[in-house]
Every structure is written in C-alpha cells, then in structure tokens.
Amino acid sequence: MEFAYPYLLLVMIYGSLAVYAHFNSESQMKTMCVNILSVVVFVFFFGLRGFVAYDWTSYYPEYQSLTDLRTLFTLPLNKWTWEPGFMIFGVICKTIYPNYFFFQFLCILINVTLLMMFFRRYVSNIPLAFMIMLVMSGFEININLVRNSISILLFVNAIVFIEKKQFLPFLLVCLLGFTFHSSSLAYIPMYFIINRKFNKYIMMAVFAVANVIYLFHIPILKSLILLVVDYIMPSTKLWVEAYLSMDLSTGSVLSIGYLERLLTGILLFCYIDKLREVRNGNNIFVNSMLFYLCTFLFLSEFRTISLRCSYLFIYAYWIVWIDLIKCFTYRNNKILYLSFVALYSLLKVYFLNTTAMSEYYNITIENKPYNERLIHFRQHFNDVK
C-alpha cells in the first residue's frame, strides 16, 4: 500500500483545497491563492518527479540521443523519433539545458498552463477540477502519455472555437496538436459532430448497446477487422488474428471501473436536460461524455486500444462530474453524490498504484540514477496489479 501514499496524499490535498475554495468563494484573494497553490502543487508533484512509472524508459534514451536543430533538419522526417513539434521542442530544451528532468519539467509547465486555461473557462472550483482530472486518468496522462497529453490539452482549449463556430482557428490548434501526437487528427471531424443536440433516447439506446457488447464480450471490432483483412489480404488473416489476440482484455467484467461508468451514464441521461443548460455549448461535454463511455465499452475487447481511444474524450469527466453537482435539487443528493466521488477517487487511486511500478520519488528530495531505476523497472514490469 505504501506505493499509493503519494498519490492518495495528492488527491486529498486537492480535495481539501476544493472544500476550502467552496467555503471561501466570495473572496477573490483567497480564490486566487488557492488556484496558485493548486498549480504549484501540480508542478512540484509531476514536474519534479523522478523516473516514475513506464514511459521514461523510452523518453530518456531518446532525449539523450537528440542532436542540435541544424543536424535535425538534415534528417528526413521518417527518421525523426517523435512527431515534428515535439521533436523540435525536445531539441530546443536540450540546447538550453541538456538535463532530462529539465525537459520533463517544461512539459508539465505546458500541461498545467493549458489545464488552467481550460478550467478557468468552464469551472469555478479549480482544485476540484484538478482532483477529478487526476482521478480520471490524470496520473496516467501526465506521467506516461507525455506527447498525447499536450495534444489532448490543446484540443480542450480549442473547444471554444467550436462554440463560436470558428473552424479555421480550431483547425490550426488541432494541427498544432498533431505535431505533438498524431491522434489529434481524430479531433478534426469533431467540429461537425460534437456540438449537435442529439436525441437523448437515441443516445440512451447507443449506450445500452455498448453495455451489452461489453458485458457479453461480443467481439465486434475483431470480427470487422478480420472481415476486412480476409477480403483485402486473405494471406495475412492468421497473422492479424494472432496479433489481435495478444491484446485481448482479460479483466473482470463487473469491475469497480465498469460500475462507475454505468452510474455515470445513468446520471448523464437522468440529468441530460439540466446538463445541457448549465452553460452555452454544453452539448459538447455531454456528447464527449457519451463518446468516452461508448468508445471504452465498444472497444473493450482490446484493452490498449480501448484505453487509448477513450482517452481522447476523458476531459468530459473533468467538467461533467462537476456540472452534475449543479443538477441536484436537494442538498442531501449533493452530499451523497460528493461522498461517492470522494470515496471512488480514493479507492481508484489506491488500487491503481499498489505495485512497485508506481513507486514515486521527487528529485528535490532524493536522487536515483537512471541505471538503478532501469533495473527496478525490469524487475517489476510484469508485477500484477
């Protein structure tokens, strides 16, 4: 359990700040101080972390191999390790100061800047938004998905252009995100879809079908892929089938995570009309929430694909869970809902960080060499959560 302590502490700090912010919302000075403290805590925890979790094992050696800009531009694009924007950013960081932790720190500064721009536009309680963001994949995104996190956060700041029906600036932001992670291209069609007011009964039907597919392990995606492969390249069908079988989901169907998604979906449809009225353009977050839930459930037969695709819409949780508080008429219902959020947050953060792979340390407190952490990584990589 000790591996989960730092993560639980961080969530509890934001929870405490959220309570303080709520009861002092009339004071602009106190609100500003709480918001600044939220940013400082975030930067300290993530920006000054050591070799933690997984993806540093690929980012560190790749960063060490970066050259200068002049040499970089002599290489063909297919020889670049990362997407162009992130590659140039990495080279500039290394030119300024070659230490990997400096590069990691600047990545987090970008993330927290984009997060604050987003939160200040849509929520009043910034610490609560930080807490929910961390619980709903924030740890994973900010630690393991360095490039993807920037592209996601660029998109959420482009949502305002969807609201204003300004396609060109929206497109430019998405293309900027594409230079950090190619998944940003998936956001471009969202401009034409995500702000529509879909019939709630059709949305409920889609969600119900997604749950049936998840609960009964109906292999829709695998069947479609194999059907297409068999038609286009029949000689590779066996190879593709073997490859797809490597990523099959083997977890429990009725997990705590699934029950939370089911409850979130039920609350979404029970209060969908009120949610749409919270602010202008809130169809975007209502639809994003449905897209997240259905993407996760429809693709659940492949764990990695399901997670990576649903991460594109994870931002919906950060807004919808807070908006739901405003939808409850009775105070007791609000207390019950907030109690669920608090309990679920602690349970989820605990169970996701019980193995040695989650061991956290901060470079301002202790220094652990790369080789030592690499040995630790190889020893515990296959630990079962």
Protein backbone atom coordinates (compact mmCIF):
# COMPACT_ATOMS: atom_id res chain seq x y z
CA MET A 1 0.00 0.00 0.00
CA GLU A 2 2.93 2.37 0.63
CA PHE A 3 3.38 2.93 -3.11
CA ALA A 4 -0.06 4.54 -3.26
CA TYR A 5 0.57 7.00 -0.41
CA PRO A 6 1.98 9.91 -2.50
CA TYR A 7 -0.88 9.66 -5.00
CA LEU A 8 -3.53 9.45 -2.27
CA LEU A 9 -1.93 12.41 -0.50
CA LEU A 10 -2.06 14.50 -3.67
CA VAL A 11 -5.75 13.71 -4.21
CA MET A 12 -6.54 14.55 -0.58
CA ILE A 13 -4.64 17.85 -0.85
CA TYR A 14 -6.74 18.86 -3.84
CA GLY A 15 -9.89 17.65 -2.10
CA SER A 16 -9.08 19.81 0.93
CA LEU A 17 -8.31 22.80 -1.27
CA ALA A 18 -11.62 22.25 -3.10
CA VAL A 19 -13.55 22.36 0.19
CA TYR A 20 -11.68 25.49 1.27
CA ALA A 21 -12.31 27.13 -2.12
CA HIS A 22 -16.03 26.33 -1.90
CA PHE A 23 -16.47 27.97 1.50
CA ASN A 24 -14.36 30.99 0.52
CA SER A 25 -15.67 31.51 -2.99
CA GLU A 26 -16.72 35.10 -2.20
CA SER A 27 -13.12 36.15 -1.55
CA GLN A 28 -11.22 36.81 -4.77
CA MET A 29 -7.91 36.94 -2.91
CA LYS A 30 -8.41 33.54 -1.25
CA THR A 31 -9.62 32.03 -4.52
CA MET A 32 -6.54 33.31 -6.32
CA CYS A 33 -4.24 31.96 -3.59
CA VAL A 34 -5.91 28.54 -3.73
CA ASN A 35 -5.60 28.46 -7.52
CA ILE A 36 -1.92 29.40 -7.38
CA LEU A 37 -1.30 26.74 -4.74
CA SER A 38 -3.07 24.18 -6.93
CA VAL A 39 -0.68 24.96 -9.78
CA VAL A 40 2.40 24.90 -7.54
CA VAL A 41 1.44 21.52 -6.05
CA PHE A 42 0.82 20.10 -9.53
CA VAL A 43 4.16 21.32 -10.88
CA PHE A 44 6.02 20.08 -7.79
CA PHE A 45 4.49 16.59 -7.96
CA PHE A 46 4.66 15.99 -11.71
CA GLY A 47 7.32 18.39 -12.94
CA LEU A 48 9.90 17.34 -10.37
CA ARG A 49 9.16 13.62 -10.33
CA GLY A 50 11.99 11.19 -10.93
CA PHE A 51 11.98 8.11 -13.12
CA VAL A 52 8.43 7.05 -12.26
CA ALA A 53 6.09 4.50 -13.92
CA TYR A 54 6.72 3.37 -17.51
CA ASP A 55 7.30 5.75 -20.40
CA TRP A 56 10.50 7.36 -19.13
CA THR A 57 12.27 4.17 -20.26
CA SER A 58 11.68 5.23 -23.86
CA TYR A 59 11.72 9.02 -23.48
CA TYR A 60 15.01 9.23 -21.56
CA PRO A 61 17.26 7.40 -24.08
CA GLU A 62 15.52 9.13 -26.99
CA TYR A 63 16.07 12.52 -25.36
CA GLN A 64 19.73 11.71 -24.74
CA SER A 65 20.16 10.87 -28.43
CA LEU A 66 18.78 14.21 -29.65
CA THR A 67 21.15 16.41 -31.63
CA ASP A 68 21.02 20.13 -32.44
CA LEU A 69 18.44 21.79 -34.70
CA ARG A 70 20.82 22.07 -37.65
CA THR A 71 21.53 18.34 -37.62
CA LEU A 72 17.87 17.55 -37.03
CA PHE A 73 16.73 19.40 -40.15
CA THR A 74 19.19 17.45 -42.30
CA LEU A 75 17.39 14.23 -41.41
CA PRO A 76 14.32 13.05 -43.37
CA LEU A 77 11.08 13.20 -41.36
CA ASN A 78 10.76 9.42 -41.27
CA LYS A 79 14.00 9.32 -39.27
CA TRP A 80 12.63 11.62 -36.56
CA THR A 81 11.89 9.72 -33.35
CA TRP A 82 8.82 11.74 -32.39
CA GLU A 83 6.26 13.95 -34.14
CA PRO A 84 7.83 17.15 -35.57
CA GLY A 85 6.52 19.64 -32.99
CA PHE A 86 7.57 17.52 -30.03
CA MET A 87 10.89 16.70 -31.68
CA ILE A 88 11.75 20.38 -32.20
CA PHE A 89 10.59 21.17 -28.67
CA GLY A 90 12.85 18.42 -27.30
CA VAL A 91 15.87 19.65 -29.26
CA ILE A 92 15.31 23.24 -28.08
CA CYS A 93 15.06 22.03 -24.47
CA LYS A 94 18.27 20.04 -24.78
CA THR A 95 20.03 23.02 -26.38
CA ILE A 96 19.03 25.26 -23.46
CA TYR A 97 19.85 22.69 -20.76
CA PRO A 98 20.60 19.03 -21.59
CA ASN A 99 19.22 17.54 -18.37
CA TYR A 100 16.24 15.20 -18.98
CA PHE A 101 14.42 16.45 -15.89
CA PHE A 102 14.51 19.99 -17.27
CA PHE A 103 12.72 18.70 -20.38
CA GLN A 104 10.20 16.84 -18.22
CA PHE A 105 9.62 19.97 -16.11
CA LEU A 106 8.88 22.11 -19.18
CA CYS A 107 6.41 19.50 -20.48
CA ILE A 108 4.50 19.77 -17.20
CA LEU A 109 4.60 23.58 -17.35
CA ILE A 110 2.91 23.36 -20.75
CA ASN A 111 0.32 20.93 -19.38
CA VAL A 112 -0.55 22.97 -16.31
CA THR A 113 -0.79 26.17 -18.37
CA LEU A 114 -3.22 24.53 -20.80
CA LEU A 115 -5.17 22.97 -17.92
CA MET A 116 -5.58 26.31 -16.16
CA MET A 117 -6.75 27.99 -19.36
CA PHE A 118 -9.33 25.23 -19.78
CA PHE A 119 -10.50 25.07 -16.15
CA ARG A 120 -10.83 28.83 -15.75
CA ARG A 121 -13.16 28.91 -18.73
CA TYR A 122 -15.53 26.17 -17.56
CA VAL A 123 -15.34 25.60 -13.78
CA SER A 124 -15.40 27.80 -10.69
CA ASN A 125 -13.69 25.40 -8.28
CA ILE A 126 -10.21 24.88 -9.76
CA PRO A 127 -8.87 22.47 -7.07
CA LEU A 128 -11.92 20.22 -7.51
CA ALA A 129 -11.27 20.15 -11.26
CA PHE A 130 -7.64 19.20 -10.62
CA MET A 131 -8.72 16.42 -8.27
CA ILE A 132 -11.21 14.92 -10.70
CA MET A 133 -8.74 15.26 -13.56
CA LEU A 134 -6.12 13.31 -11.59
CA VAL A 135 -8.56 10.57 -10.62
CA MET A 136 -9.93 10.27 -14.14
CA SER A 137 -6.68 9.34 -15.92
CA GLY A 138 -4.73 12.47 -14.96
CA PHE A 139 -1.90 10.49 -13.37
CA GLU A 140 -1.57 8.29 -16.44
CA ILE A 141 -1.78 11.17 -18.91
CA ASN A 142 0.73 13.43 -17.16
CA ILE A 143 3.26 10.70 -16.34
CA ASN A 144 3.07 8.17 -19.16
CA LEU A 145 1.44 9.96 -22.11
CA VAL A 146 3.72 12.97 -22.42
CA ARG A 147 3.09 13.74 -26.11
CA ASN A 148 -0.53 12.69 -26.05
CA SER A 149 -1.25 14.87 -23.00
CA ILE A 150 -0.18 18.03 -24.84
CA SER A 151 -2.32 17.20 -27.89
CA ILE A 152 -5.38 16.46 -25.72
CA LEU A 153 -4.97 19.68 -23.75
CA LEU A 154 -4.52 21.71 -26.92
CA PHE A 155 -7.83 20.31 -28.17
CA VAL A 156 -9.77 21.10 -25.00
CA ASN A 157 -8.63 24.70 -25.37
CA ALA A 158 -9.89 24.65 -28.96
CA ILE A 159 -13.41 23.76 -27.81
CA VAL A 160 -14.15 27.48 -27.52
CA PHE A 161 -13.74 27.75 -31.31
CA ILE A 162 -16.38 25.04 -31.78
CA GLU A 163 -18.73 27.09 -29.60
CA LYS A 164 -18.02 30.21 -31.66
CA LYS A 165 -18.21 28.29 -34.96
CA GLN A 166 -14.69 29.35 -35.94
CA PHE A 167 -13.33 26.44 -37.96
CA LEU A 168 -10.00 27.91 -39.09
CA PRO A 169 -8.54 28.62 -35.61
CA PHE A 170 -9.94 25.26 -34.43
CA LEU A 171 -8.21 23.51 -37.32
CA LEU A 172 -4.93 25.31 -36.65
CA VAL A 173 -4.93 24.26 -32.99
CA CYS A 174 -5.68 20.64 -33.95
CA LEU A 175 -2.86 20.69 -36.50
CA LEU A 176 -0.55 22.09 -33.83
CA GLY A 177 -1.63 19.20 -31.61
CA PHE A 178 -0.90 16.82 -34.49
CA THR A 179 2.74 17.95 -34.44
CA PHE A 180 2.88 16.61 -30.87
CA HIS A 181 0.79 13.47 -31.32
CA SER A 182 -0.86 12.09 -34.44
CA SER A 183 -4.08 11.22 -32.56
CA SER A 184 -5.06 14.92 -32.78
CA LEU A 185 -6.28 14.29 -36.33
CA ALA A 186 -9.22 12.40 -34.80
CA TYR A 187 -10.43 15.67 -33.28
CA ILE A 188 -10.91 17.50 -36.58
CA PRO A 189 -14.20 15.74 -37.54
CA MET A 190 -15.48 16.50 -34.03
CA TYR A 191 -16.02 20.12 -35.10
CA PHE A 192 -19.01 18.99 -37.20
CA ILE A 193 -20.40 16.47 -34.69
CA ILE A 194 -19.67 17.22 -31.07
CA ASN A 195 -21.86 20.32 -30.59
CA ARG A 196 -25.04 18.77 -32.01
CA LYS A 197 -28.07 18.23 -29.81
CA PHE A 198 -28.67 14.53 -30.37
CA ASN A 199 -31.94 12.88 -29.39
CA LYS A 200 -31.41 11.66 -25.84
CA TYR A 201 -33.35 8.44 -26.44
CA ILE A 202 -31.10 7.52 -29.35
CA MET A 203 -28.10 8.30 -27.14
CA MET A 204 -29.53 6.05 -24.42
CA ALA A 205 -30.02 3.25 -26.94
CA VAL A 206 -26.42 3.51 -28.14
CA PHE A 207 -25.18 3.43 -24.54
CA ALA A 208 -27.35 0.38 -23.81
CA VAL A 209 -25.98 -1.47 -26.85
CA ALA A 210 -22.42 -0.60 -25.80
CA ASN A 211 -23.08 -2.11 -22.37
CA VAL A 212 -24.48 -5.30 -23.90
CA ILE A 213 -21.38 -5.65 -26.11
CA TYR A 214 -19.15 -5.14 -23.08
CA LEU A 215 -20.99 -7.47 -20.71
CA PHE A 216 -21.33 -10.33 -23.19
CA HIS A 217 -17.86 -9.94 -24.75
CA ILE A 218 -19.27 -9.57 -28.26
CA PRO A 219 -16.15 -9.25 -30.48
CA ILE A 220 -17.47 -6.63 -32.93
CA LEU A 221 -14.17 -4.87 -33.64
CA LYS A 222 -12.17 -8.06 -34.07
CA SER A 223 -14.83 -9.51 -36.39
CA LEU A 224 -14.88 -6.35 -38.54
CA ILE A 225 -11.09 -6.20 -38.78
CA LEU A 226 -10.82 -9.86 -39.74
CA LEU A 227 -13.64 -9.48 -42.27
CA VAL A 228 -11.85 -6.57 -43.97
CA VAL A 229 -8.47 -8.33 -43.85
CA ASP A 230 -9.95 -11.53 -45.24
CA TYR A 231 -11.41 -9.55 -48.14
CA ILE A 232 -8.36 -7.38 -48.91
CA MET A 233 -5.38 -9.53 -47.81
CA PRO A 234 -6.56 -13.08 -47.03
CA SER A 235 -2.98 -14.36 -46.77
CA THR A 236 -2.37 -12.24 -43.66
CA LYS A 237 -5.57 -13.16 -41.82
CA LEU A 238 -3.94 -15.70 -39.49
CA TRP A 239 -1.13 -13.28 -38.62
CA VAL A 240 -3.56 -10.44 -37.90
CA GLU A 241 -5.76 -12.74 -35.81
CA ALA A 242 -2.76 -13.83 -33.74
CA TYR A 243 -1.69 -10.21 -33.26
CA LEU A 244 -5.17 -9.12 -32.15
CA SER A 245 -5.33 -11.98 -29.66
CA MET A 246 -2.27 -10.56 -27.87
CA ASP A 247 -4.20 -7.53 -26.61
CA LEU A 248 -7.45 -9.21 -25.60
CA SER A 249 -8.93 -7.83 -22.39
CA THR A 250 -8.93 -10.36 -19.56
CA GLY A 251 -10.14 -8.27 -16.62
CA SER A 252 -13.32 -8.75 -14.62
CA VAL A 253 -16.45 -7.54 -16.39
CA LEU A 254 -18.21 -6.25 -13.28
CA SER A 255 -15.29 -4.20 -12.01
CA ILE A 256 -15.49 -1.03 -9.90
CA GLY A 257 -14.48 0.91 -13.01
CA TYR A 258 -17.37 -0.51 -15.04
CA LEU A 259 -19.89 0.17 -12.27
CA GLU A 260 -18.65 3.77 -12.12
CA ARG A 261 -19.07 4.17 -15.90
CA LEU A 262 -22.54 2.65 -15.69
CA LEU A 263 -23.51 5.04 -12.90
CA THR A 264 -22.02 8.00 -14.78
CA GLY A 265 -24.03 7.03 -17.86
CA ILE A 266 -27.23 6.72 -15.84
CA LEU A 267 -26.68 10.12 -14.21
CA LEU A 268 -25.84 11.61 -17.60
CA PHE A 269 -29.20 10.59 -19.03
CA CYS A 270 -31.20 11.34 -15.88
CA TYR A 271 -29.93 14.93 -15.87
CA ILE A 272 -29.12 15.44 -19.54
CA ASP A 273 -31.56 18.33 -19.97
CA LYS A 274 -30.18 20.16 -16.93
CA LEU A 275 -26.60 19.46 -18.01
CA ARG A 276 -27.29 21.00 -21.40
CA GLU A 277 -28.49 24.16 -19.68
CA VAL A 278 -25.50 24.62 -17.34
CA ARG A 279 -23.75 26.79 -19.95
CA ASN A 280 -23.99 27.64 -23.63
CA GLY A 281 -22.45 24.93 -25.77
CA ASN A 282 -22.59 22.29 -23.04
CA ASN A 283 -23.73 19.75 -25.64
CA ILE A 284 -20.01 19.44 -26.35
CA PHE A 285 -19.28 17.97 -22.92
CA VAL A 286 -22.46 15.88 -22.79
CA ASN A 287 -21.62 14.34 -26.17
CA SER A 288 -17.96 13.94 -25.22
CA MET A 289 -19.03 12.02 -22.12
CA LEU A 290 -21.12 9.67 -24.24
CA PHE A 291 -18.27 9.29 -26.76
CA TYR A 292 -15.91 8.37 -23.93
CA LEU A 293 -18.26 5.79 -22.41
CA CYS A 294 -19.19 4.19 -25.73
CA THR A 295 -15.63 4.19 -27.07
CA PHE A 296 -14.42 2.42 -23.95
CA LEU A 297 -17.26 -0.12 -23.98
CA PHE A 298 -17.39 -0.80 -27.74
CA LEU A 299 -13.61 -1.37 -27.93
CA SER A 300 -13.30 -3.15 -24.58
CA GLU A 301 -12.22 -6.43 -26.18
CA PHE A 302 -8.82 -4.78 -26.75
CA ARG A 303 -7.59 -3.15 -23.55
CA THR A 304 -4.87 -0.93 -25.04
CA ILE A 305 -6.99 0.26 -27.97
CA SER A 306 -9.95 0.89 -25.67
CA LEU A 307 -7.91 2.98 -23.25
CA ARG A 308 -6.00 4.99 -25.84
CA CYS A 309 -9.10 5.82 -27.90
CA SER A 310 -11.26 6.70 -24.90
CA TYR A 311 -8.50 8.96 -23.51
CA LEU A 312 -9.31 11.35 -26.37
CA PHE A 313 -12.58 12.21 -24.59
CA ILE A 314 -11.52 11.79 -20.95
CA TYR A 315 -11.73 15.57 -20.45
CA ALA A 316 -15.54 15.21 -20.34
CA TYR A 317 -15.29 13.75 -16.83
CA TRP A 318 -13.41 16.83 -15.60
CA ILE A 319 -16.39 19.03 -16.48
CA VAL A 320 -19.47 16.79 -16.36
CA TRP A 321 -18.78 15.42 -12.87
CA ILE A 322 -18.62 19.00 -11.56
CA ASP A 323 -21.66 20.08 -13.59
CA LEU A 324 -23.70 17.24 -12.08
CA ILE A 325 -23.40 18.90 -8.66
CA LYS A 326 -25.43 21.82 -10.04
CA CYS A 327 -28.14 19.47 -11.30
CA PHE A 328 -29.23 18.11 -7.91
CA THR A 329 -32.13 20.00 -6.35
CA TYR A 330 -31.85 18.56 -2.84
CA ARG A 331 -28.84 19.14 -0.61
CA ASN A 332 -28.81 15.51 0.58
CA ASN A 333 -28.45 14.33 -3.01
CA LYS A 334 -25.47 16.63 -3.48
CA ILE A 335 -23.86 15.29 -0.30
CA LEU A 336 -24.49 11.69 -1.41
CA TYR A 337 -23.02 12.37 -4.85
CA LEU A 338 -19.94 14.15 -3.47
CA SER A 339 -19.42 11.31 -0.98
CA PHE A 340 -19.44 8.86 -3.87
CA VAL A 341 -16.92 10.97 -5.81
CA ALA A 342 -14.63 11.23 -2.77
CA LEU A 343 -14.79 7.52 -1.91
CA TYR A 344 -14.41 6.38 -5.50
CA SER A 345 -11.47 8.74 -6.01
CA LEU A 346 -9.56 7.31 -3.07
CA LEU A 347 -10.35 3.70 -3.98
CA LYS A 348 -9.40 4.13 -7.62
CA VAL A 349 -6.13 5.92 -6.90
CA TYR A 350 -5.22 3.30 -4.31
CA PHE A 351 -5.91 0.25 -6.46
CA LEU A 352 -4.11 1.72 -9.48
CA ASN A 353 -0.92 2.32 -7.51
CA THR A 354 -0.33 -0.78 -5.40
CA THR A 355 2.66 -2.23 -7.27
CA ALA A 356 6.34 -1.26 -7.21
CA MET A 357 5.97 0.21 -10.70
CA SER A 358 4.09 3.10 -9.10
CA GLU A 359 6.90 3.93 -6.68
CA TYR A 360 7.12 7.72 -6.59
CA TYR A 361 10.07 9.90 -5.68
CA ASN A 362 10.83 13.58 -6.14
CA ILE A 363 14.20 14.77 -7.43
CA THR A 364 14.28 17.62 -4.89
CA ILE A 365 14.25 15.06 -2.07
CA GLU A 366 16.24 12.11 -3.41
CA ASN A 367 18.27 11.26 -6.47
CA LYS A 368 18.10 7.82 -8.06
CA PRO A 369 20.38 7.10 -11.05
CA TYR A 370 18.90 6.04 -14.38
CA ASN A 371 20.58 2.61 -14.31
CA GLU A 372 19.25 1.88 -10.83
CA ARG A 373 15.71 2.78 -11.87
CA LEU A 374 16.04 0.77 -15.08
CA ILE A 375 16.94 -2.33 -13.07
CA HIS A 376 13.94 -1.64 -10.82
CA PHE A 377 11.74 -1.25 -13.90
CA ARG A 378 12.85 -4.58 -15.39
CA GLN A 379 12.36 -6.38 -12.09
CA HIS A 380 8.81 -5.15 -11.57
CA PHE A 381 7.48 -4.57 -15.09
CA ASN A 382 5.35 -7.71 -15.01
CA ASP A 383 4.02 -7.24 -11.49
CA VAL A 384 0.30 -7.96 -11.39
CA LYS A 385 -1.86 -5.06 -10.24
